[in-house]
Amino acid sequence: MADQTELETKMAWLENLVGELDSVVRGLGDELATVRREVAELRAAAARRGDDPESDEDDGTSMTYEKPPHY
């Protein structure tokens, strides 16, 4: 009987854990969907403004990396 009670206890604990993990995974999925939507919106806004992060043209509006004078 002790073995059966122990197994039932472990099973209940595991069922609870699976429920918690399912909730976490669903929440992360929702966050991922939100982030993907926001990234798409930002890319669309950048495209509308004409910003191309991979463009080599320097129109003075993009931030470029310049070595400090001490190099």
C-alpha atoms as a PDB file:
ATOM      1  CA  MET A   1       0.000   0.000   0.000  1.00  0.00           C
ATOM      2  CA  ALA A   2       2.829   2.388   0.766  1.00  0.00           C
ATOM      3  CA  ASP A   3       4.159   2.022  -2.762  1.00  0.00           C
ATOM      4  CA  GLN A   4       0.765   2.847  -4.248  1.00  0.00           C
ATOM      5  CA  THR A   5       0.397   5.936  -2.054  1.00  0.00           C
ATOM      6  CA  GLU A   6       3.896   7.062  -2.976  1.00  0.00           C
ATOM      7  CA  LEU A   7       3.158   6.616  -6.676  1.00  0.00           C
ATOM      8  CA  GLU A   8      -0.126   8.501  -6.380  1.00  0.00           C
ATOM      9  CA  THR A   9       1.670  11.341  -4.590  1.00  0.00           C
ATOM     10  CA  LYS A  10       4.343  11.519  -7.265  1.00  0.00           C
ATOM     11  CA  MET A  11       1.737  11.411 -10.014  1.00  0.00           C
ATOM     12  CA  ALA A  12      -0.240  14.251  -8.425  1.00  0.00           C
ATOM     13  CA  TRP A  13       2.949  16.282  -8.069  1.00  0.00           C
ATOM     14  CA  LEU A  14       3.892  15.638 -11.711  1.00  0.00           C
ATOM     15  CA  GLU A  15       0.393  16.533 -12.947  1.00  0.00           C
ATOM     16  CA  ASN A  16       0.641  19.815 -11.043  1.00  0.00           C
ATOM     17  CA  LEU A  17       4.099  20.486 -12.478  1.00  0.00           C
ATOM     18  CA  VAL A  18       2.928  19.768 -16.025  1.00  0.00           C
ATOM     19  CA  GLY A  19       0.056  22.204 -15.524  1.00  0.00           C
ATOM     20  CA  GLU A  20       2.422  24.917 -14.308  1.00  0.00           C
ATOM     21  CA  LEU A  21       4.852  24.303 -17.173  1.00  0.00           C
ATOM     22  CA  ASP A  22       1.996  24.411 -19.669  1.00  0.00           C
ATOM     23  CA  SER A  23       0.958  27.794 -18.284  1.00  0.00           C
ATOM     24  CA  VAL A  24       4.518  29.123 -18.563  1.00  0.00           C
ATOM     25  CA  VAL A  25       4.927  27.859 -22.131  1.00  0.00           C
ATOM     26  CA  ARG A  26       1.593  29.370 -23.190  1.00  0.00           C
ATOM     27  CA  GLY A  27       2.589  32.702 -21.627  1.00  0.00           C
ATOM     28  CA  LEU A  28       5.931  32.669 -23.421  1.00  0.00           C
ATOM     29  CA  GLY A  29       4.167  31.845 -26.680  1.00  0.00           C
ATOM     30  CA  ASP A  30       1.906  34.854 -26.206  1.00  0.00           C
ATOM     31  CA  GLU A  31       4.923  37.072 -25.469  1.00  0.00           C
ATOM     32  CA  LEU A  32       6.735  35.752 -28.527  1.00  0.00           C
ATOM     33  CA  ALA A  33       3.734  36.529 -30.712  1.00  0.00           C
ATOM     34  CA  THR A  34       3.628  40.057 -29.287  1.00  0.00           C
ATOM     35  CA  VAL A  35       7.342  40.606 -29.890  1.00  0.00           C
ATOM     36  CA  ARG A  36       7.098  39.287 -33.446  1.00  0.00           C
ATOM     37  CA  ARG A  37       4.182  41.618 -34.145  1.00  0.00           C
ATOM     38  CA  GLU A  38       6.065  44.600 -32.701  1.00  0.00           C
ATOM     39  CA  VAL A  39       9.185  43.787 -34.729  1.00  0.00           C
ATOM     40  CA  ALA A  40       7.095  43.569 -37.895  1.00  0.00           C
ATOM     41  CA  GLU A  41       5.512  46.935 -37.087  1.00  0.00           C
ATOM     42  CA  LEU A  42       8.915  48.523 -36.465  1.00  0.00           C
ATOM     43  CA  ARG A  43      10.283  47.117 -39.710  1.00  0.00           C
ATOM     44  CA  ALA A  44       7.262  48.427 -41.596  1.00  0.00           C
ATOM     45  CA  ALA A  45       7.664  51.858 -39.988  1.00  0.00           C
ATOM     46  CA  ALA A  46      11.371  51.904 -40.884  1.00  0.00           C
ATOM     47  CA  ALA A  47      10.553  50.914 -44.453  1.00  0.00           C
ATOM     48  CA  ARG A  48       7.986  53.706 -44.697  1.00  0.00           C
ATOM     49  CA  ARG A  49      10.606  56.211 -43.501  1.00  0.00           C
ATOM     50  CA  GLY A  50      13.076  54.831 -45.972  1.00  0.00           C
ATOM     51  CA  ASP A  51      15.538  53.590 -43.370  1.00  0.00           C
ATOM     52  CA  ASP A  52      17.535  50.646 -44.567  1.00  0.00           C
ATOM     53  CA  PRO A  53      19.821  49.355 -41.832  1.00  0.00           C
ATOM     54  CA  GLU A  54      21.951  47.504 -44.391  1.00  0.00           C
ATOM     55  CA  SER A  55      22.431  50.487 -46.663  1.00  0.00           C
ATOM     56  CA  ASP A  56      25.965  51.863 -47.067  1.00  0.00           C
ATOM     57  CA  GLU A  57      24.777  55.346 -47.930  1.00  0.00           C
ATOM     58  CA  ASP A  58      25.521  57.915 -45.259  1.00  0.00           C
ATOM     59  CA  ASP A  59      22.948  60.665 -45.288  1.00  0.00           C
ATOM     60  CA  GLY A  60      23.995  61.946 -41.865  1.00  0.00           C
ATOM     61  CA  THR A  61      20.934  60.579 -40.108  1.00  0.00           C
ATOM     62  CA  SER A  62      22.218  57.137 -39.226  1.00  0.00           C
ATOM     63  CA  MET A  63      24.511  56.460 -36.326  1.00  0.00           C
ATOM     64  CA  THR A  64      27.810  55.106 -37.563  1.00  0.00           C
ATOM     65  CA  TYR A  65      30.647  53.769 -35.514  1.00  0.00           C
ATOM     66  CA  GLU A  66      33.726  55.948 -35.541  1.00  0.00           C
ATOM     67  CA  LYS A  67      36.873  55.085 -33.662  1.00  0.00           C
ATOM     68  CA  PRO A  68      37.692  57.519 -30.881  1.00  0.00           C
ATOM     69  CA  PRO A  69      40.602  59.881 -31.593  1.00  0.00           C
ATOM     70  CA  HIS A  70      42.955  57.999 -29.265  1.00  0.00           C
ATOM     71  CA  TYR A  71      43.041  54.953 -31.576  1.00  0.00           C
END
